[in-house]
Protein backbone atom coordinates (compact mmCIF):
# COMPACT_ATOMS: atom_id res chain seq x y z
CA MET A 1 -0.09 0.02 -0.15
CA ARG A 2 1.29 3.84 -0.88
CA ASN A 3 2.22 5.20 1.93
CA THR A 4 0.42 9.20 2.23
CA THR A 5 2.43 11.88 3.72
CA ILE A 6 -0.09 14.38 5.73
CA ASN A 7 0.15 18.06 6.39
CA THR A 8 -1.54 18.97 9.86
CA GLY A 9 -0.19 22.70 10.23
CA MET A 10 1.48 22.85 13.41
CA PHE A 11 1.93 19.05 13.75
CA SER A 12 3.16 16.84 11.25
CA ARG A 13 3.16 13.48 10.50
CA VAL A 14 4.56 11.03 7.93
CA SER A 15 3.83 7.01 6.40
CA ARG A 16 0.47 6.82 7.86
CA SER A 17 0.07 3.59 5.98
CA HIS A 18 -2.82 2.28 7.59
CA LEU A 19 -5.39 4.65 5.73
CA CYS A 20 -7.46 2.11 4.92
CA GLU A 21 -7.82 0.19 8.98
CA VAL A 22 -9.05 3.58 10.12
CA CYS A 23 -12.02 3.57 6.92
CA LEU A 24 -12.82 -0.58 8.14
CA SER A 25 -13.47 0.28 11.27
CA ALA A 26 -15.70 3.23 10.74
CA THR A 27 -17.57 1.23 8.25
CA ASN A 28 -18.21 -1.77 11.22
CA ARG A 29 -18.97 0.67 13.84
CA ARG A 30 -21.73 1.86 11.41
CA SER A 31 -22.53 -1.76 11.20
CA PHE A 32 -22.61 -1.77 15.51
CA PHE A 33 -24.53 0.70 15.66
CA SER A 34 -27.20 -0.38 13.19
CA SER A 35 -30.28 -1.11 13.70
CA ALA A 36 -30.02 -4.51 12.26
CA SER A 37 -29.96 -7.21 14.28
CA ALA A 38 -26.82 -9.32 13.26
CA ALA A 39 -25.58 -11.31 16.68
CA SER A 40 -22.62 -12.38 15.38
CA ILE A 41 -21.18 -9.20 14.41
CA LEU A 42 -21.54 -7.32 18.15
CA PRO A 43 -18.18 -6.87 20.10
CA SER A 44 -17.31 -9.33 22.82
CA LEU A 45 -17.44 -8.13 26.71
CA PRO A 46 -14.48 -5.31 26.56
CA PRO A 47 -11.21 -6.75 28.99
CA SER A 48 -10.78 -5.46 32.39
CA THR A 49 -7.16 -4.09 31.57
CA GLY A 50 -7.09 -3.21 28.18
CA PHE A 51 -7.14 0.06 25.85
CA ALA A 52 -7.79 1.40 22.43
CA ARG A 53 -6.87 3.76 19.88
CA LEU A 54 -9.94 5.69 19.64
CA THR A 55 -9.60 6.57 15.64
CA ASN A 56 -13.05 8.28 15.94
CA ARG A 57 -11.96 11.50 17.65
CA ALA A 58 -9.54 14.18 16.70
CA LEU A 59 -7.57 17.31 17.32
CA ILE A 60 -7.27 20.88 17.33
CA LEU A 61 -4.95 22.65 18.14
CA LEU A 62 -5.32 26.26 19.59
CA TYR A 63 -1.91 27.86 19.81
CA GLY A 64 -0.94 31.88 20.72
CA PRO A 65 -0.62 34.40 23.52
CA ASP A 66 -4.60 35.25 24.04
CA ALA A 67 -5.43 30.96 23.82
CA ALA A 68 -6.32 30.56 27.70
CA HIS A 69 -8.28 33.65 27.20
CA TYR A 70 -9.87 33.19 24.69
CA LEU A 71 -11.36 29.72 25.64
CA GLN A 72 -12.36 31.21 28.90
CA GLY A 73 -15.02 33.05 27.46
CA LEU A 74 -16.50 29.97 25.23
CA THR A 75 -16.45 26.56 27.15
CA THR A 76 -18.21 25.84 30.44
CA THR A 77 -14.98 25.15 32.67
CA ASN A 78 -13.03 28.26 34.04
CA ILE A 79 -9.45 27.68 32.34
CA LYS A 80 -8.23 29.88 34.58
CA ASP A 81 -8.43 26.68 37.39
CA PHE A 82 -5.61 25.07 34.94
CA THR A 83 -1.93 26.15 34.73
CA PHE A 84 0.74 24.93 32.83
CA ASP A 85 2.63 23.60 35.00
CA SER A 86 1.31 20.18 35.45
CA LEU A 87 0.03 20.02 31.55
CA GLU A 88 -3.07 18.36 32.59
CA GLY A 89 -6.12 17.71 30.55
CA PHE A 90 -9.69 18.19 31.24
CA TYR A 91 -13.48 18.06 30.22
CA THR A 92 -15.28 20.16 28.91
CA ALA A 93 -18.18 21.86 26.46
CA PHE A 94 -19.29 24.20 24.10
CA LEU A 95 -22.55 25.77 24.15
CA ASN A 96 -24.36 27.76 21.53
CA ALA A 97 -26.26 31.14 22.44
CA GLN A 98 -29.19 29.37 24.15
CA GLY A 99 -27.30 27.33 25.81
CA ARG A 100 -27.39 24.26 23.84
CA VAL A 101 -24.40 21.94 23.51
CA LEU A 102 -22.57 22.02 20.53
CA HIS A 103 -19.47 19.91 21.60
CA ASP A 104 -18.29 17.89 24.70
CA VAL A 105 -14.70 17.68 24.15
CA PHE A 106 -11.55 16.85 26.11
CA VAL A 107 -8.73 20.35 26.50
CA TYR A 108 -5.26 19.42 27.18
CA PRO A 109 -2.46 22.25 28.03
CA ILE A 110 0.24 22.27 26.51
CA ASP A 111 3.54 24.63 26.05
CA HIS A 112 7.15 25.43 24.89
CA THR A 113 8.34 22.97 27.91
CA LEU A 114 7.07 19.76 25.60
CA GLY A 115 9.65 20.79 22.82
CA LEU A 116 6.72 20.52 20.43
CA LYS A 117 8.01 21.40 17.01
CA GLY A 118 5.87 23.60 14.42
CA LYS A 119 6.21 24.41 10.57
CA GLU A 120 9.68 24.68 9.60
CA GLY A 121 11.16 22.53 12.74
CA ILE A 122 10.50 26.13 15.24
CA THR A 123 9.34 25.16 18.70
CA CYS A 124 6.75 26.39 19.62
CA ASP A 125 6.91 29.30 22.17
CA LYS A 126 3.52 29.80 22.96
CA PRO A 127 0.73 28.05 25.23
CA GLY A 128 -1.94 26.32 23.88
CA PHE A 129 -4.10 23.58 23.96
CA MET A 130 -5.24 20.43 21.57
CA ILE A 131 -9.40 20.00 21.76
CA ASP A 132 -9.84 16.18 21.42
CA VAL A 133 -13.34 16.29 20.11
CA ASP A 134 -16.03 14.22 17.76
CA LYS A 135 -14.42 13.21 14.58
CA ALA A 136 -17.68 13.81 12.60
CA HIS A 137 -17.24 17.24 13.60
CA ALA A 138 -14.07 18.15 14.12
CA GLU A 139 -14.46 21.06 11.40
CA THR A 140 -17.55 22.05 12.29
CA LEU A 141 -15.81 23.09 15.75
CA ARG A 142 -13.10 24.63 13.63
CA SER A 143 -15.49 26.78 12.62
CA HIS A 144 -17.20 27.92 15.81
CA LEU A 145 -13.57 28.78 16.86
CA LYS A 146 -12.86 30.80 14.25
CA ARG A 147 -16.15 32.88 14.26
CA TYR A 148 -15.25 34.40 17.90
CA LYS A 149 -11.03 34.66 16.60
CA LEU A 150 -11.90 38.77 15.68
CA ARG A 151 -8.41 39.66 16.72
CA ALA A 152 -6.89 37.27 19.29
CA LYS A 153 -3.52 36.41 18.95
CA ILE A 154 -4.32 32.61 18.42
CA ALA A 155 -3.60 30.27 15.70
CA ILE A 156 -6.42 27.35 15.16
CA GLU A 157 -4.72 24.25 12.92
CA PRO A 158 -5.38 20.21 12.90
CA ALA A 159 -3.11 18.36 15.20
CA ASP A 160 -2.69 14.53 13.82
CA TRP A 161 -2.11 12.52 16.44
CA HIS A 162 -3.18 9.59 18.56
CA ILE A 163 -5.60 10.08 20.43
CA TRP A 164 -6.12 6.70 23.21
CA ALA A 165 -8.36 5.07 26.05
CA THR A 166 -6.92 2.99 28.49
CA TRP A 167 -8.11 1.30 31.88
CA ASP A 168 -7.91 -1.27 34.53
CA ASP A 169 -10.62 -1.97 36.30
CA ALA A 170 -8.61 -3.70 39.69
CA ILE A 171 -7.09 0.12 40.29
CA ALA A 172 -9.15 2.22 42.24
CA ASN A 173 -9.88 5.54 39.98
CA ASN A 174 -7.74 4.58 37.69
CA SER A 175 -5.18 6.68 38.43
CA GLN A 176 -2.80 4.86 36.93
CA SER A 177 0.25 5.79 34.08
CA ASP A 178 0.59 8.85 35.39
CA ASN A 179 3.72 9.64 33.55
CA ALA A 180 5.37 12.72 33.12
CA PRO A 181 4.41 14.54 30.04
CA SER A 182 6.78 14.73 27.27
CA ALA A 183 7.08 15.92 23.62
CA HIS A 184 6.03 12.75 22.50
CA ASN A 185 2.87 11.90 25.13
CA PHE A 186 0.24 13.34 27.61
CA GLY A 187 -3.24 13.29 28.62
CA CYS A 188 -5.72 13.10 31.97
CA VAL A 189 -7.29 10.47 33.45
CA ASP A 190 -10.76 10.77 32.28
CA PRO A 191 -13.26 12.47 35.40
CA ARG A 192 -16.16 11.53 33.42
CA ALA A 193 -17.49 8.52 35.78
CA PRO A 194 -15.44 6.79 38.07
CA GLY A 195 -13.18 3.70 36.50
CA MET A 196 -13.04 5.17 32.96
CA GLY A 197 -9.70 5.07 32.90
CA LYS A 198 -6.73 7.70 30.84
CA ARG A 199 -6.44 9.33 28.36
CA ILE A 200 -3.11 9.70 26.62
CA LEU A 201 -2.11 11.98 23.65
CA SER A 202 0.75 10.13 21.63
CA PHE A 203 2.71 11.56 18.07
CA ALA A 204 3.41 8.30 17.55
CA ASP A 205 2.25 4.78 17.70
CA ILE A 206 2.66 3.35 21.50
CA SER A 207 0.31 0.80 21.80
CA LYS A 208 3.59 -1.75 22.91
CA ALA A 209 3.82 0.48 25.68
CA LEU A 210 0.54 0.35 26.92
CA PRO A 211 -0.40 -2.31 29.70
CA GLY A 212 -3.44 -4.61 28.81
CA GLU A 213 -5.21 -6.01 25.71
CA GLU A 214 -5.30 -3.50 22.75
CA THR A 215 -8.84 -3.54 21.86
CA SER A 216 -11.36 -1.77 19.34
CA VAL A 217 -13.49 1.37 19.87
CA GLU A 218 -16.55 -0.33 19.74
CA HIS A 219 -14.92 -2.23 23.09
CA TYR A 220 -14.52 1.25 24.33
CA ASP A 221 -17.68 2.48 23.56
CA ILE A 222 -19.65 -0.85 25.10
CA ARG A 223 -17.67 0.63 28.59
CA ARG A 224 -18.52 3.70 28.85
CA ILE A 225 -22.13 2.99 27.90
CA LEU A 226 -22.16 0.45 30.82
CA LYS A 227 -21.47 3.45 33.46
CA GLY A 228 -24.08 6.01 31.54
CA VAL A 229 -21.12 8.35 30.00
CA PRO A 230 -22.87 10.16 26.93
CA GLN A 231 -19.82 11.10 24.01
CA GLY A 232 -20.51 12.98 20.79
CA HIS A 233 -23.17 14.31 18.14
CA ARG A 234 -25.11 11.13 18.31
CA GLU A 235 -25.75 11.18 21.72
CA ILE A 236 -25.19 14.69 22.98
CA ILE A 237 -27.32 16.14 20.14
CA SER A 238 -25.14 19.27 19.20
CA GLY A 239 -27.58 22.38 19.21
CA GLU A 240 -30.66 20.16 21.03
CA ALA A 241 -28.71 18.74 24.08
CA LEU A 242 -28.76 20.09 27.12
CA PRO A 243 -25.61 20.09 29.28
CA GLN A 244 -27.07 19.03 32.44
CA GLU A 245 -29.56 16.99 30.62
CA SER A 246 -26.16 15.49 29.24
CA ASN A 247 -24.63 15.02 32.61
CA ILE A 248 -21.95 17.65 31.49
CA ASP A 249 -22.17 18.81 35.14
CA TYR A 250 -22.10 15.39 36.98
CA MET A 251 -19.10 14.57 34.29
CA SER A 252 -16.91 17.56 35.72
CA GLY A 253 -17.75 19.70 32.71
CA ILE A 254 -19.38 22.41 34.48
CA ASP A 255 -18.04 24.99 36.46
CA PHE A 256 -20.42 26.86 37.94
CA ARG A 257 -18.85 29.86 39.84
CA LYS A 258 -17.20 30.22 36.43
CA GLY A 259 -18.02 34.20 34.70
CA CYS A 260 -19.31 35.08 31.00
CA TYR A 261 -19.41 32.78 28.63
CA VAL A 262 -20.84 31.80 25.45
CA GLY A 263 -24.49 30.02 26.79
CA GLN A 264 -23.96 30.59 30.23
CA GLU A 265 -27.15 32.68 31.18
CA LEU A 266 -29.30 29.81 31.01
CA THR A 267 -27.05 27.16 31.84
CA ILE A 268 -27.07 29.62 35.50
CA ARG A 269 -30.08 29.91 36.05
CA THR A 270 -31.21 26.13 35.45
CA ARG A 271 -28.76 25.41 38.35
CA HIS A 272 -30.27 27.54 40.57
CA THR A 273 -33.53 28.26 40.24
CA GLY A 274 -34.98 24.52 37.57
CA VAL A 275 -35.21 20.77 38.29
CA VAL A 276 -33.34 18.61 35.34
CA ARG A 277 -35.59 16.39 35.27
CA LYS A 278 -34.02 14.50 32.16
CA ARG A 279 -31.37 12.62 32.01
CA ILE A 280 -29.40 10.34 29.49
CA LEU A 281 -28.75 6.41 31.53
CA PRO A 282 -27.64 3.53 30.26
CA VAL A 283 -30.85 1.17 29.24
CA GLN A 284 -31.13 -2.18 28.92
CA LEU A 285 -33.41 -3.72 25.87
CA TYR A 286 -34.78 -7.22 26.32
CA ASN A 287 -37.86 -8.56 24.35
CA PRO A 288 -41.51 -8.50 24.86
CA ASP A 289 -42.16 -11.68 26.73
CA GLU A 290 -39.21 -12.01 29.04
CA LYS A 291 -38.68 -10.41 32.48
CA PRO A 292 -37.26 -7.16 33.43
CA PRO A 293 -33.39 -7.74 33.65
CA GLY A 294 -32.31 -6.72 37.59
CA SER A 295 -29.07 -5.23 36.92
CA LEU A 296 -27.37 -4.10 33.12
CA GLN A 297 -25.85 -6.37 31.60
CA TYR A 298 -24.23 -6.90 28.06
CA ASP A 299 -24.79 -9.45 25.92
CA PRO A 300 -22.73 -10.73 22.75
CA SER A 301 -24.78 -12.74 21.87
CA SER A 302 -28.19 -10.60 21.57
CA SER A 303 -30.25 -10.99 18.73
CA LEU A 304 -31.86 -8.17 19.59
CA THR A 305 -32.69 -4.98 16.55
CA CYS A 306 -31.63 -1.85 18.61
CA PRO A 307 -34.23 0.89 17.40
CA ASP A 308 -33.08 4.03 15.88
CA ALA A 309 -31.95 6.78 17.18
CA SER A 310 -34.58 9.62 18.49
CA ARG A 311 -37.40 7.24 18.74
CA ASN A 312 -39.55 8.05 21.95
CA ILE A 313 -40.09 5.53 24.48
CA ALA A 314 -43.66 4.75 26.51
CA ARG A 315 -44.96 3.26 28.64
CA VAL A 316 -46.40 -0.20 27.61
CA ASP A 317 -49.92 -0.42 29.22
CA THR A 318 -50.98 3.10 28.89
CA ARG A 319 -50.80 6.31 26.18
CA GLY A 320 -49.44 9.67 27.41
CA ARG A 321 -46.37 11.57 27.19
CA SER A 322 -43.69 10.06 26.18
CA ALA A 323 -40.93 8.63 28.75
CA GLY A 324 -37.49 9.51 27.42
CA LYS A 325 -35.60 9.25 23.84
CA PHE A 326 -33.66 6.15 22.71
CA LEU A 327 -30.37 8.01 21.64
CA ARG A 328 -27.90 5.08 20.35
CA GLY A 329 -27.58 1.45 21.51
CA VAL A 330 -25.10 -1.34 21.16
CA GLY A 331 -26.65 -4.93 20.72
CA ASN A 332 -28.94 -4.98 24.05
CA ILE A 333 -27.54 -2.21 25.45
CA GLY A 334 -27.99 1.09 25.10
CA LEU A 335 -28.44 5.56 26.42
CA ALA A 336 -30.92 6.97 26.28
CA LEU A 337 -32.80 10.61 27.73
CA CYS A 338 -35.25 9.75 30.50
CA ARG A 339 -37.62 11.03 32.81
CA LEU A 340 -36.24 10.45 35.65
CA GLU A 341 -39.72 10.29 37.73
CA THR A 342 -41.49 8.18 35.58
CA MET A 343 -38.25 5.81 34.44
CA THR A 344 -36.79 5.51 37.96
CA ASP A 345 -37.23 5.91 41.54
CA VAL A 346 -35.04 8.97 41.78
CA LYS A 347 -37.05 11.88 43.78
CA LEU A 348 -36.01 15.47 42.64
CA THR A 349 -39.38 17.03 44.52
CA GLU A 350 -41.35 16.93 47.65
CA GLU A 351 -44.33 16.80 44.92
CA GLY A 352 -43.93 12.86 44.04
CA SER A 353 -43.40 10.63 41.00
CA GLN A 354 -44.96 8.42 38.97
CA TRP A 355 -42.56 5.97 38.86
CA SER A 356 -43.46 2.04 40.39
CA PRO A 357 -41.09 -0.51 40.17
CA GLU A 358 -44.09 -3.00 38.02
CA ASN A 359 -44.37 -0.36 35.31
CA GLU A 360 -42.23 -1.61 32.07
CA PHE A 361 -41.22 0.66 29.11
CA LYS A 362 -41.25 0.09 25.07
CA VAL A 363 -39.92 1.61 22.17
CA SER A 364 -41.64 0.53 18.53
CA TRP A 365 -41.18 1.55 15.67
CA PRO A 366 -43.06 0.86 12.28
CA ALA A 367 -41.78 -2.88 10.62
CA GLU A 368 -39.09 -2.03 7.34
CA GLU A 369 -41.43 -4.96 5.65
CA ASP A 370 -44.81 -3.69 6.30
CA GLN A 371 -45.36 -0.03 7.70
CA ALA A 372 -48.39 -1.03 8.85
CA LYS A 373 -46.72 -3.52 11.34
CA GLU A 374 -45.08 -2.42 14.95
CA LYS A 375 -41.98 -3.82 16.49
CA LYS A 376 -41.37 -3.56 19.12
CA VAL A 377 -38.62 -4.03 22.21
CA LYS A 378 -38.58 -3.10 26.03
CA ILE A 379 -36.09 -0.93 27.98
CA LYS A 380 -35.59 -0.56 31.00
CA ALA A 381 -33.10 2.46 32.29
CA PHE A 382 -30.28 1.88 35.42
CA VAL A 383 -29.33 4.88 37.70
CA PRO A 384 -25.48 4.26 37.89
CA GLU A 385 -24.15 4.90 41.15
CA TRP A 386 -21.77 7.61 40.62
CA HIS A 387 -25.27 9.48 39.51
CA ARG A 388 -26.89 8.86 42.86
CA ASN A 389 -23.33 9.97 44.52
CA ARG A 390 -23.81 13.35 42.68
CA VAL A 391 -27.79 14.14 43.49
CA SER A 392 -26.96 13.62 46.82
CA VAL A 393 -23.97 16.28 46.68
CA ARG A 394 -26.94 18.22 44.85
CA ASN A 395 -28.65 18.13 47.31
CA MET A 396 -27.14 19.20 50.50
CA HIS A 397 -25.36 22.19 48.46
CA GLN A 398 -29.31 23.13 47.95
CA GLN A 399 -30.19 22.98 51.67
CA GLN A 400 -26.78 24.58 52.65
CA ASN A 401 -27.80 27.30 50.26
CA VAL A 402 -31.54 27.59 51.67
């Protein structure tokens, strides 16, 4: 296969001979998350210790004297809380003016001490950031960043680095691999949920240096879905999703003490005066003639058909307003935007809830072969323990502020 040279602006890499593998991976990924019921192609259970190269993510480099001040006005996290001393990355989001999520991202500070080389081998002597974003929306984010650039002294370029996710379920908080940042790799502990592991950026292929079994993006997504962590525009729908409903506040992606930024008004008002009645939760699908599952478990032999994205969730035995919306799934598990007091035992107010352990829910859609007929699966939402812990902390803070 002919090697391809790719120019990436400030950073460049050559001799990428695996482009067909990336295309093949993307094709397989679409089949895993389609509505086709082909159990033979479902991924196996992910290993307890492993790593995956996240080929569905892309990097944008933003650097220059005004880089930190510029990002401060666009993201939900307080950039000023992160110094260039530790170079530890963090999770955050970009919102539109109406407070809807445009992009959920990881941001990694960089500076000249990393020895990164720019065009013509010139060392980067300006502070900057690597932004880790959904690959399908990377160009959209670049356009968004340029829209607010005005006279800011910054540069915005693509960066062709590897993005890795590593994990070890035997190590608490997955704080392993605390390697010092260098010109070749740096990253952060993934703060979104316990056990999510660590993210690492690398210029070269470091797969032989990482512990555990090498797996695919699909295996990583199964772990992520089981933990109830949404990611990317197919789960956190760009321009529609609200940050709190998407758990970005629970996943350490919002600093409510921060000053003005794009989309802040609705986010802060919801925090102080509103109640978040819907949140994205992990769900399990099961056949209409089966009993509800007692715990969330992925079955790689499942022959269930995943509903299409955005299908409404409804009570099995009654008609009424939607109880939620199915977002995405693989096999018998997925993520859905759920009404908490309808589909779970979470109590938000003193008014009481509509939830009952006897209630069951379904997702239905017209059959492809006969639109007059209906296909359906039952669906059960599960509240992760880390969600309940965040709810307890939130309630305690609200009582203290009364």
